[in-house]
Amino acid sequence: MAVVVLADDGVVFDGPAVEERPSGGAETAFAELAAALAARGHQVTALARGARAVVHRGVRWQPVEAGVPPAAD
């Protein structure tokens, strides 16, 4: 299992938001990649501007403003 951190500081979004309202292709791809990695058993943290602190589809979403975790693979 890998510890994966994905970060995006573009538009405001998070995993649930991508499913709740229309989103751009980049945001959808970001959320789907994070969920696919989590589904394969990886520990995934996704950081995005304005993201809610929530676990969605196995991905720990956090606002990018909170900073990156101290370590990842």
C-alpha atoms as a PDB file:
ATOM      1  CA  MET A   1       0.000   0.000   0.000  1.00  0.00           C
ATOM      2  CA  ALA A   2       1.304   3.442  -0.894  1.00  0.00           C
ATOM      3  CA  VAL A   3       0.626   6.727   0.832  1.00  0.00           C
ATOM      4  CA  VAL A   4      -0.507   9.059  -1.966  1.00  0.00           C
ATOM      5  CA  VAL A   5      -1.052  12.816  -1.808  1.00  0.00           C
ATOM      6  CA  LEU A   6      -2.720  14.632  -4.707  1.00  0.00           C
ATOM      7  CA  ALA A   7      -2.987  18.423  -4.670  1.00  0.00           C
ATOM      8  CA  ASP A   8      -4.777  21.001  -6.817  1.00  0.00           C
ATOM      9  CA  ASP A   9      -5.076  24.729  -6.106  1.00  0.00           C
ATOM     10  CA  GLY A  10      -7.319  25.632  -9.041  1.00  0.00           C
ATOM     11  CA  VAL A  11     -11.076  25.916  -8.700  1.00  0.00           C
ATOM     12  CA  VAL A  12     -12.960  25.085  -5.498  1.00  0.00           C
ATOM     13  CA  PHE A  13     -14.021  21.405  -5.454  1.00  0.00           C
ATOM     14  CA  ASP A  14     -13.828  18.131  -3.569  1.00  0.00           C
ATOM     15  CA  GLY A  15     -14.929  14.539  -4.169  1.00  0.00           C
ATOM     16  CA  PRO A  16     -18.553  14.949  -3.132  1.00  0.00           C
ATOM     17  CA  ALA A  17     -18.887  18.225  -5.087  1.00  0.00           C
ATOM     18  CA  VAL A  18     -17.845  16.495  -8.327  1.00  0.00           C
ATOM     19  CA  GLU A  19     -20.825  14.162  -7.901  1.00  0.00           C
ATOM     20  CA  GLU A  20     -23.241  16.857  -6.665  1.00  0.00           C
ATOM     21  CA  ARG A  21     -22.893  19.433  -9.444  1.00  0.00           C
ATOM     22  CA  PRO A  22     -21.415  19.802 -12.932  1.00  0.00           C
ATOM     23  CA  SER A  23     -17.626  19.883 -12.835  1.00  0.00           C
ATOM     24  CA  GLY A  24     -14.808  20.353 -15.281  1.00  0.00           C
ATOM     25  CA  GLY A  25     -12.924  17.460 -16.811  1.00  0.00           C
ATOM     26  CA  ALA A  26      -9.760  18.106 -14.810  1.00  0.00           C
ATOM     27  CA  GLU A  27     -11.628  18.149 -11.498  1.00  0.00           C
ATOM     28  CA  THR A  28     -13.558  15.001 -12.390  1.00  0.00           C
ATOM     29  CA  ALA A  29     -10.370  13.204 -13.476  1.00  0.00           C
ATOM     30  CA  PHE A  30      -8.602  14.279 -10.266  1.00  0.00           C
ATOM     31  CA  ALA A  31     -11.444  12.964  -8.069  1.00  0.00           C
ATOM     32  CA  GLU A  32     -11.773   9.720 -10.046  1.00  0.00           C
ATOM     33  CA  LEU A  33      -8.000   9.064  -9.937  1.00  0.00           C
ATOM     34  CA  ALA A  34      -7.994   9.580  -6.170  1.00  0.00           C
ATOM     35  CA  ALA A  35     -10.977   7.233  -5.734  1.00  0.00           C
ATOM     36  CA  ALA A  36      -9.456   4.572  -8.015  1.00  0.00           C
ATOM     37  CA  LEU A  37      -6.191   4.600  -6.062  1.00  0.00           C
ATOM     38  CA  ALA A  38      -8.114   4.322  -2.781  1.00  0.00           C
ATOM     39  CA  ALA A  39     -10.159   1.429  -4.188  1.00  0.00           C
ATOM     40  CA  ARG A  40      -6.885  -0.399  -4.896  1.00  0.00           C
ATOM     41  CA  GLY A  41      -5.988  -0.137  -1.218  1.00  0.00           C
ATOM     42  CA  HIS A  42      -3.763   2.938  -1.181  1.00  0.00           C
ATOM     43  CA  GLN A  43      -4.042   5.580   1.528  1.00  0.00           C
ATOM     44  CA  VAL A  44      -5.037   8.672  -0.456  1.00  0.00           C
ATOM     45  CA  THR A  45      -5.212  12.279   0.691  1.00  0.00           C
ATOM     46  CA  ALA A  46      -6.604  14.757  -1.821  1.00  0.00           C
ATOM     47  CA  LEU A  47      -5.984  18.447  -1.260  1.00  0.00           C
ATOM     48  CA  ALA A  48      -8.022  20.983  -3.195  1.00  0.00           C
ATOM     49  CA  ARG A  49      -8.792  24.661  -2.826  1.00  0.00           C
ATOM     50  CA  GLY A  50     -11.846  25.070  -0.613  1.00  0.00           C
ATOM     51  CA  ALA A  51     -12.341  21.321  -0.140  1.00  0.00           C
ATOM     52  CA  ARG A  52     -14.449  20.143   2.780  1.00  0.00           C
ATOM     53  CA  ALA A  53     -12.639  17.977   5.337  1.00  0.00           C
ATOM     54  CA  VAL A  54     -14.399  14.714   4.501  1.00  0.00           C
ATOM     55  CA  VAL A  55     -13.713  11.098   3.612  1.00  0.00           C
ATOM     56  CA  HIS A  56     -15.437  10.240   0.338  1.00  0.00           C
ATOM     57  CA  ARG A  57     -15.065   6.961  -1.580  1.00  0.00           C
ATOM     58  CA  GLY A  58     -12.072   6.099   0.594  1.00  0.00           C
ATOM     59  CA  VAL A  59     -10.258   9.389  -0.095  1.00  0.00           C
ATOM     60  CA  ARG A  60      -9.440  11.822   2.706  1.00  0.00           C
ATOM     61  CA  TRP A  61     -10.268  15.272   1.294  1.00  0.00           C
ATOM     62  CA  GLN A  62      -8.719  18.356   2.900  1.00  0.00           C
ATOM     63  CA  PRO A  63      -8.413  22.007   1.894  1.00  0.00           C
ATOM     64  CA  VAL A  64      -5.055  22.657   0.206  1.00  0.00           C
ATOM     65  CA  GLU A  65      -4.752  25.687   2.480  1.00  0.00           C
ATOM     66  CA  ALA A  66      -4.197  23.276   5.396  1.00  0.00           C
ATOM     67  CA  GLY A  67      -0.837  22.279   3.887  1.00  0.00           C
ATOM     68  CA  VAL A  68       0.578  18.983   2.724  1.00  0.00           C
ATOM     69  CA  PRO A  69       1.155  16.008   5.006  1.00  0.00           C
ATOM     70  CA  PRO A  70       4.713  15.581   6.303  1.00  0.00           C
ATOM     71  CA  ALA A  71       5.352  12.416   4.266  1.00  0.00           C
ATOM     72  CA  ALA A  72       4.079  10.396   1.294  1.00  0.00           C
ATOM     73  CA  ASP A  73       5.429   7.726  -1.050  1.00  0.00           C
END
